[in-house]
Amino acid sequence: MKLLTTLITALMLALSLPAWADVSRDDAAAMAQQATGGRVLAVEQVQREGQTVWRVKLLTPKGEVIVVLIDAASGRRL
């Protein structure tokens, strides 16, 4: 019975891992930089539609300032 409880607990923890996965400030900056080829000027965490996102401001190779939003939980570009 103890083994079964341990296995069920381990399974539940494994299935809930994506809910714990958070993207760090540095990861968000790197993702935005890779996607645009720009230079990171600023990174801040903000709330958008009830969702925590990283707001990354970049200077593109063409000299334009752009903002890229990265979902803080999934790392998906918004």
PDB file of N, CA and C in Angstrom:
ATOM      1  N   MET A   1       0.830  -1.197   0.000  1.00  0.00           N
ATOM      2  CA  MET A   1       0.000   0.000   0.000  1.00  0.00           C
ATOM      3  C   MET A   1       0.872   1.257   0.000  1.00  0.00           C
ATOM      4  N   LYS A   2       1.955   1.209   0.789  1.00  0.00           N
ATOM      5  CA  LYS A   2       2.856   2.365   0.859  1.00  0.00           C
ATOM      6  C   LYS A   2       3.508   2.618  -0.505  1.00  0.00           C
ATOM      7  N   LEU A   3       3.878   1.549  -1.190  1.00  0.00           N
ATOM      8  CA  LEU A   3       4.483   1.678  -2.517  1.00  0.00           C
ATOM      9  C   LEU A   3       3.500   2.290  -3.509  1.00  0.00           C
ATOM     10  N   LEU A   4       2.259   1.846  -3.447  1.00  0.00           N
ATOM     11  CA  LEU A   4       1.223   2.383  -4.330  1.00  0.00           C
ATOM     12  C   LEU A   4       1.007   3.878  -4.080  1.00  0.00           C
ATOM     13  N   THR A   5       0.977   4.276  -2.839  1.00  0.00           N
ATOM     14  CA  THR A   5       0.816   5.694  -2.487  1.00  0.00           C
ATOM     15  C   THR A   5       1.990   6.508  -3.011  1.00  0.00           C
ATOM     16  N   THR A   6       3.193   5.984  -2.865  1.00  0.00           N
ATOM     17  CA  THR A   6       4.393   6.667  -3.355  1.00  0.00           C
ATOM     18  C   THR A   6       4.353   6.818  -4.879  1.00  0.00           C
ATOM     19  N   LEU A   7       3.962   5.759  -5.569  1.00  0.00           N
ATOM     20  CA  LEU A   7       3.882   5.814  -7.031  1.00  0.00           C
ATOM     21  C   LEU A   7       2.823   6.798  -7.508  1.00  0.00           C
ATOM     22  N   ILE A   8       1.688   6.812  -6.864  1.00  0.00           N
ATOM     23  CA  ILE A   8       0.623   7.749  -7.252  1.00  0.00           C
ATOM     24  C   ILE A   8       1.070   9.190  -7.004  1.00  0.00           C
ATOM     25  N   THR A   9       1.726   9.426  -5.867  1.00  0.00           N
ATOM     26  CA  THR A   9       2.227  10.766  -5.559  1.00  0.00           C
ATOM     27  C   THR A   9       3.257  11.207  -6.595  1.00  0.00           C
ATOM     28  N   ALA A  10       4.172  10.318  -6.949  1.00  0.00           N
ATOM     29  CA  ALA A  10       5.194  10.638  -7.946  1.00  0.00           C
ATOM     30  C   ALA A  10       4.557  10.938  -9.299  1.00  0.00           C
ATOM     31  N   LEU A  11       3.556  10.166  -9.667  1.00  0.00           N
ATOM     32  CA  LEU A  11       2.861  10.388 -10.932  1.00  0.00           C
ATOM     33  C   LEU A  11       2.152  11.738 -10.944  1.00  0.00           C
ATOM     34  N   MET A  12       1.499  12.071  -9.849  1.00  0.00           N
ATOM     35  CA  MET A  12       0.798  13.353  -9.769  1.00  0.00           C
ATOM     36  C   MET A  12       1.779  14.520  -9.864  1.00  0.00           C
ATOM     37  N   LEU A  13       2.932  14.396  -9.220  1.00  0.00           N
ATOM     38  CA  LEU A  13       3.942  15.447  -9.295  1.00  0.00           C
ATOM     39  C   LEU A  13       4.491  15.588 -10.710  1.00  0.00           C
ATOM     40  N   ALA A  14       4.736  14.472 -11.364  1.00  0.00           N
ATOM     41  CA  ALA A  14       5.262  14.502 -12.733  1.00  0.00           C
ATOM     42  C   ALA A  14       4.269  15.155 -13.692  1.00  0.00           C
ATOM     43  N   LEU A  15       2.995  14.881 -13.516  1.00  0.00           N
ATOM     44  CA  LEU A  15       1.982  15.451 -14.395  1.00  0.00           C
ATOM     45  C   LEU A  15       1.772  16.939 -14.156  1.00  0.00           C
ATOM     46  N   SER A  16       2.118  17.426 -12.990  1.00  0.00           N
ATOM     47  CA  SER A  16       1.908  18.838 -12.683  1.00  0.00           C
ATOM     48  C   SER A  16       3.145  19.681 -12.955  1.00  0.00           C
ATOM     49  N   LEU A  17       4.221  19.112 -13.425  1.00  0.00           N
ATOM     50  CA  LEU A  17       5.451  19.867 -13.668  1.00  0.00           C
ATOM     51  C   LEU A  17       5.281  21.091 -14.559  1.00  0.00           C
ATOM     52  N   PRO A  18       4.562  21.030 -15.675  1.00  0.00           N
ATOM     53  CA  PRO A  18       4.443  22.225 -16.505  1.00  0.00           C
ATOM     54  C   PRO A  18       3.850  23.426 -15.757  1.00  0.00           C
ATOM     55  N   ALA A  19       3.026  23.192 -14.774  1.00  0.00           N
ATOM     56  CA  ALA A  19       2.452  24.288 -14.001  1.00  0.00           C
ATOM     57  C   ALA A  19       3.522  24.988 -13.177  1.00  0.00           C
ATOM     58  N   TRP A  20       4.615  24.277 -12.841  1.00  0.00           N
ATOM     59  CA  TRP A  20       5.680  24.874 -12.053  1.00  0.00           C
ATOM     60  C   TRP A  20       6.746  25.511 -12.927  1.00  0.00           C
ATOM     61  N   ALA A  21       6.781  25.193 -14.190  1.00  0.00           N
ATOM     62  CA  ALA A  21       7.841  25.671 -15.071  1.00  0.00           C
ATOM     63  C   ALA A  21       7.675  27.165 -15.312  1.00  0.00           C
ATOM     64  N   ASP A  22       8.628  27.929 -14.842  1.00  0.00           N
ATOM     65  CA  ASP A  22       8.610  29.371 -15.056  1.00  0.00           C
ATOM     66  C   ASP A  22       9.835  29.765 -15.865  1.00  0.00           C
ATOM     67  N   VAL A  23       9.646  30.723 -16.735  1.00  0.00           N
ATOM     68  CA  VAL A  23      10.724  31.230 -17.566  1.00  0.00           C
ATOM     69  C   VAL A  23      11.384  32.373 -16.805  1.00  0.00           C
ATOM     70  N   SER A  24      12.704  32.329 -16.669  1.00  0.00           N
ATOM     71  CA  SER A  24      13.423  33.380 -15.956  1.00  0.00           C
ATOM     72  C   SER A  24      13.550  34.627 -16.827  1.00  0.00           C
ATOM     73  N   ARG A  25      13.938  35.713 -16.202  1.00  0.00           N
ATOM     74  CA  ARG A  25      14.187  36.974 -16.909  1.00  0.00           C
ATOM     75  C   ARG A  25      15.240  36.766 -17.999  1.00  0.00           C
ATOM     76  N   ASP A  26      16.320  36.076 -17.654  1.00  0.00           N
ATOM     77  CA  ASP A  26      17.392  35.842 -18.627  1.00  0.00           C
ATOM     78  C   ASP A  26      16.938  34.964 -19.782  1.00  0.00           C
ATOM     79  N   ASP A  27      16.127  33.945 -19.473  1.00  0.00           N
ATOM     80  CA  ASP A  27      15.603  33.069 -20.531  1.00  0.00           C
ATOM     81  C   ASP A  27      14.707  33.854 -21.486  1.00  0.00           C
ATOM     82  N   ALA A  28      13.845  34.709 -20.929  1.00  0.00           N
ATOM     83  CA  ALA A  28      12.945  35.517 -21.761  1.00  0.00           C
ATOM     84  C   ALA A  28      13.748  36.455 -22.658  1.00  0.00           C
ATOM     85  N   ALA A  29      14.784  37.067 -22.105  1.00  0.00           N
ATOM     86  CA  ALA A  29      15.633  37.967 -22.893  1.00  0.00           C
ATOM     87  C   ALA A  29      16.318  37.210 -24.026  1.00  0.00           C
ATOM     88  N   ALA A  30      16.823  36.023 -23.722  1.00  0.00           N
ATOM     89  CA  ALA A  30      17.501  35.218 -24.736  1.00  0.00           C
ATOM     90  C   ALA A  30      16.543  34.785 -25.834  1.00  0.00           C
ATOM     91  N   MET A  31      15.319  34.386 -25.454  1.00  0.00           N
ATOM     92  CA  MET A  31      14.324  33.969 -26.448  1.00  0.00           C
ATOM     93  C   MET A  31      13.968  35.125 -27.385  1.00  0.00           C
ATOM     94  N   ALA A  32      13.746  36.301 -26.810  1.00  0.00           N
ATOM     95  CA  ALA A  32      13.387  37.467 -27.615  1.00  0.00           C
ATOM     96  C   ALA A  32      14.541  37.873 -28.529  1.00  0.00           C
ATOM     97  N   GLN A  33      15.758  37.806 -27.996  1.00  0.00           N
ATOM     98  CA  GLN A  33      16.934  38.175 -28.786  1.00  0.00           C
ATOM     99  C   GLN A  33      17.119  37.213 -29.947  1.00  0.00           C
ATOM    100  N   GLN A  34      16.940  35.924 -29.696  1.00  0.00           N
ATOM    101  CA  GLN A  34      17.069  34.925 -30.760  1.00  0.00           C
ATOM    102  C   GLN A  34      16.007  35.126 -31.833  1.00  0.00           C
ATOM    103  N   ALA A  35      14.796  35.445 -31.412  1.00  0.00           N
ATOM    104  CA  ALA A  35      13.690  35.589 -32.360  1.00  0.00           C
ATOM    105  C   ALA A  35      13.841  36.813 -33.254  1.00  0.00           C
ATOM    106  N   THR A  36      14.481  37.863 -32.743  1.00  0.00           N
ATOM    107  CA  THR A  36      14.537  39.120 -33.494  1.00  0.00           C
ATOM    108  C   THR A  36      15.930  39.496 -33.993  1.00  0.00           C
ATOM    109  N   GLY A  37      16.958  38.939 -33.383  1.00  0.00           N
ATOM    110  CA  GLY A  37      18.322  39.323 -33.734  1.00  0.00           C
ATOM    111  C   GLY A  37      18.699  40.671 -33.147  1.00  0.00           C
ATOM    112  N   GLY A  38      17.859  41.191 -32.266  1.00  0.00           N
ATOM    113  CA  GLY A  38      18.088  42.514 -31.692  1.00  0.00           C
ATOM    114  C   GLY A  38      18.905  42.474 -30.416  1.00  0.00           C
ATOM    115  N   ARG A  39      19.152  43.681 -29.885  1.00  0.00           N
ATOM    116  CA  ARG A  39      19.890  43.835 -28.632  1.00  0.00           C
ATOM    117  C   ARG A  39      18.897  44.194 -27.540  1.00  0.00           C
ATOM    118  N   VAL A  40      18.940  43.475 -26.433  1.00  0.00           N
ATOM    119  CA  VAL A  40      17.989  43.681 -25.346  1.00  0.00           C
ATOM    120  C   VAL A  40      18.303  44.993 -24.627  1.00  0.00           C
ATOM    121  N   LEU A  41      17.267  45.828 -24.503  1.00  0.00           N
ATOM    122  CA  LEU A  41      17.394  47.102 -23.807  1.00  0.00           C
ATOM    123  C   LEU A  41      16.831  47.026 -22.390  1.00  0.00           C
ATOM    124  N   ALA A  42      15.721  46.304 -22.216  1.00  0.00           N
ATOM    125  CA  ALA A  42      15.075  46.212 -20.910  1.00  0.00           C
ATOM    126  C   ALA A  42      14.175  44.980 -20.860  1.00  0.00           C
ATOM    127  N   VAL A  43      14.011  44.457 -19.647  1.00  0.00           N
ATOM    128  CA  VAL A  43      13.112  43.324 -19.424  1.00  0.00           C
ATOM    129  C   VAL A  43      12.347  43.597 -18.136  1.00  0.00           C
ATOM    130  N   GLU A  44      11.017  43.480 -18.213  1.00  0.00           N
ATOM    131  CA  GLU A  44      10.220  43.630 -17.000  1.00  0.00           C
ATOM    132  C   GLU A  44       9.068  42.638 -17.016  1.00  0.00           C
ATOM    133  N   GLN A  45       8.675  42.234 -15.817  1.00  0.00           N
ATOM    134  CA  GLN A  45       7.557  41.306 -15.687  1.00  0.00           C
ATOM    135  C   GLN A  45       6.273  42.109 -15.487  1.00  0.00           C
ATOM    136  N   VAL A  46       5.249  41.812 -16.296  1.00  0.00           N
ATOM    137  CA  VAL A  46       3.980  42.535 -16.234  1.00  0.00           C
ATOM    138  C   VAL A  46       2.818  41.552 -16.282  1.00  0.00           C
ATOM    139  N   GLN A  47       1.637  42.043 -15.955  1.00  0.00           N
ATOM    140  CA  GLN A  47       0.404  41.258 -16.056  1.00  0.00           C
ATOM    141  C   GLN A  47      -0.336  41.701 -17.315  1.00  0.00           C
ATOM    142  N   ARG A  48      -0.768  40.738 -18.109  1.00  0.00           N
ATOM    143  CA  ARG A  48      -1.526  41.024 -19.325  1.00  0.00           C
ATOM    144  C   ARG A  48      -2.679  40.040 -19.402  1.00  0.00           C
ATOM    145  N   GLU A  49      -3.898  40.560 -19.321  1.00  0.00           N
ATOM    146  CA  GLU A  49      -5.094  39.722 -19.370  1.00  0.00           C
ATOM    147  C   GLU A  49      -5.039  38.599 -18.337  1.00  0.00           C
ATOM    148  N   GLY A  50      -4.589  38.923 -17.124  1.00  0.00           N
ATOM    149  CA  GLY A  50      -4.522  37.956 -16.048  1.00  0.00           C
ATOM    150  C   GLY A  50      -3.381  36.963 -16.154  1.00  0.00           C
ATOM    151  N   GLN A  51      -2.462  37.204 -17.051  1.00  0.00           N
ATOM    152  CA  GLN A  51      -1.362  36.283 -17.322  1.00  0.00           C
ATOM    153  C   GLN A  51      -0.044  37.018 -17.048  1.00  0.00           C
ATOM    154  N   THR A  52       0.913  36.351 -16.415  1.00  0.00           N
ATOM    155  CA  THR A  52       2.224  36.942 -16.174  1.00  0.00           C
ATOM    156  C   THR A  52       3.072  36.776 -17.425  1.00  0.00           C
ATOM    157  N   VAL A  53       3.614  37.888 -17.907  1.00  0.00           N
ATOM    158  CA  VAL A  53       4.445  37.861 -19.116  1.00  0.00           C
ATOM    159  C   VAL A  53       5.704  38.682 -18.884  1.00  0.00           C
ATOM    160  N   TRP A  54       6.718  38.361 -19.644  1.00  0.00           N
ATOM    161  CA  TRP A  54       7.929  39.174 -19.688  1.00  0.00           C
ATOM    162  C   TRP A  54       7.802  40.131 -20.859  1.00  0.00           C
ATOM    163  N   ARG A  55       8.008  41.409 -20.613  1.00  0.00           N
ATOM    164  CA  ARG A  55       7.986  42.442 -21.652  1.00  0.00           C
ATOM    165  C   ARG A  55       9.448  42.771 -21.950  1.00  0.00           C
ATOM    166  N   VAL A  56       9.901  42.400 -23.139  1.00  0.00           N
ATOM    167  CA  VAL A  56      11.308  42.575 -23.512  1.00  0.00           C
ATOM    168  C   VAL A  56      11.394  43.650 -24.587  1.00  0.00           C
ATOM    169  N   LYS A  57      12.111  44.725 -24.274  1.00  0.00           N
ATOM    170  CA  LYS A  57      12.312  45.814 -25.232  1.00  0.00           C
ATOM    171  C   LYS A  57      13.665  45.585 -25.905  1.00  0.00           C
ATOM    172  N   LEU A  58      13.653  45.626 -27.256  1.00  0.00           N
ATOM    173  CA  LEU A  58      14.870  45.357 -28.018  1.00  0.00           C
ATOM    174  C   LEU A  58      15.134  46.437 -29.062  1.00  0.00           C
ATOM    175  N   LEU A  59      16.395  46.558 -29.431  1.00  0.00           N
ATOM    176  CA  LEU A  59      16.806  47.402 -30.542  1.00  0.00           C
ATOM    177  C   LEU A  59      17.182  46.462 -31.681  1.00  0.00           C
ATOM    178  N   THR A  60      16.440  46.530 -32.794  1.00  0.00           N
ATOM    179  CA  THR A  60      16.675  45.620 -33.917  1.00  0.00           C
ATOM    180  C   THR A  60      17.922  46.043 -34.692  1.00  0.00           C
ATOM    181  N   PRO A  61      18.443  45.149 -35.527  1.00  0.00           N
ATOM    182  CA  PRO A  61      19.590  45.503 -36.376  1.00  0.00           C
ATOM    183  C   PRO A  61      19.293  46.687 -37.311  1.00  0.00           C
ATOM    184  N   LYS A  62      17.999  46.927 -37.598  1.00  0.00           N
ATOM    185  CA  LYS A  62      17.611  48.050 -38.457  1.00  0.00           C
ATOM    186  C   LYS A  62      17.489  49.366 -37.671  1.00  0.00           C
ATOM    187  N   GLY A  63      17.717  49.308 -36.352  1.00  0.00           N
ATOM    188  CA  GLY A  63      17.642  50.502 -35.533  1.00  0.00           C
ATOM    189  C   GLY A  63      16.264  50.797 -34.956  1.00  0.00           C
ATOM    190  N   GLU A  64      15.326  49.874 -35.087  1.00  0.00           N
ATOM    191  CA  GLU A  64      13.974  50.057 -34.564  1.00  0.00           C
ATOM    192  C   GLU A  64      13.891  49.506 -33.141  1.00  0.00           C
ATOM    193  N   VAL A  65      13.126  50.164 -32.303  1.00  0.00           N
ATOM    194  CA  VAL A  65      12.862  49.663 -30.959  1.00  0.00           C
ATOM    195  C   VAL A  65      11.535  48.908 -31.007  1.00  0.00           C
ATOM    196  N   ILE A  66      11.571  47.649 -30.572  1.00  0.00           N
ATOM    197  CA  ILE A  66      10.366  46.822 -30.564  1.00  0.00           C
ATOM    198  C   ILE A  66      10.179  46.203 -29.178  1.00  0.00           C
ATOM    199  N   VAL A  67       8.969  45.735 -28.918  1.00  0.00           N
ATOM    200  CA  VAL A  67       8.655  45.046 -27.672  1.00  0.00           C
ATOM    201  C   VAL A  67       8.155  43.653 -28.009  1.00  0.00           C
ATOM    202  N   VAL A  68       8.713  42.663 -27.338  1.00  0.00           N
ATOM    203  CA  VAL A  68       8.311  41.271 -27.504  1.00  0.00           C
ATOM    204  C   VAL A  68       7.778  40.792 -26.159  1.00  0.00           C
ATOM    205  N   LEU A  69       6.633  40.116 -26.176  1.00  0.00           N
ATOM    206  CA  LEU A  69       6.041  39.560 -24.960  1.00  0.00           C
ATOM    207  C   LEU A  69       6.278  38.050 -24.928  1.00  0.00           C
ATOM    208  N   ILE A  70       6.787  37.575 -23.795  1.00  0.00           N
ATOM    209  CA  ILE A  70       7.061  36.151 -23.604  1.00  0.00           C
ATOM    210  C   ILE A  70       6.230  35.674 -22.413  1.00  0.00           C
ATOM    211  N   ASP A  71       5.451  34.619 -22.610  1.00  0.00           N
ATOM    212  CA  ASP A  71       4.659  34.041 -21.526  1.00  0.00           C
ATOM    213  C   ASP A  71       5.612  33.509 -20.456  1.00  0.00           C
ATOM    214  N   ALA A  72       5.445  33.980 -19.222  1.00  0.00           N
ATOM    215  CA  ALA A  72       6.357  33.599 -18.140  1.00  0.00           C
ATOM    216  C   ALA A  72       6.213  32.143 -17.719  1.00  0.00           C
ATOM    217  N   ALA A  73       5.087  31.531 -17.995  1.00  0.00           N
ATOM    218  CA  ALA A  73       4.884  30.134 -17.604  1.00  0.00           C
ATOM    219  C   ALA A  73       5.375  29.164 -18.678  1.00  0.00           C
ATOM    220  N   SER A  74       5.093  29.468 -19.944  1.00  0.00           N
ATOM    221  CA  SER A  74       5.395  28.508 -21.010  1.00  0.00           C
ATOM    222  C   SER A  74       6.603  28.874 -21.863  1.00  0.00           C
ATOM    223  N   GLY A  75       6.979  30.155 -21.868  1.00  0.00           N
ATOM    224  CA  GLY A  75       8.072  30.602 -22.726  1.00  0.00           C
ATOM    225  C   GLY A  75       7.619  30.877 -24.145  1.00  0.00           C
ATOM    226  N   ARG A  76       6.328  30.789 -24.386  1.00  0.00           N
ATOM    227  CA  ARG A  76       5.763  31.025 -25.722  1.00  0.00           C
ATOM    228  C   ARG A  76       5.740  32.524 -26.006  1.00  0.00           C
ATOM    229  N   ARG A  77       6.115  32.894 -27.232  1.00  0.00           N
ATOM    230  CA  ARG A  77       6.064  34.287 -27.651  1.00  0.00           C
ATOM    231  C   ARG A  77       4.609  34.673 -27.934  1.00  0.00           C
ATOM    232  N   LEU A  78       4.181  35.792 -27.404  1.00  0.00           N
ATOM    233  CA  LEU A  78       2.797  36.246 -27.600  1.00  0.00           C
ATOM    234  C   LEU A  78       2.733  37.312 -28.679  1.00  0.00           C
TER     235      LEU A  78
END
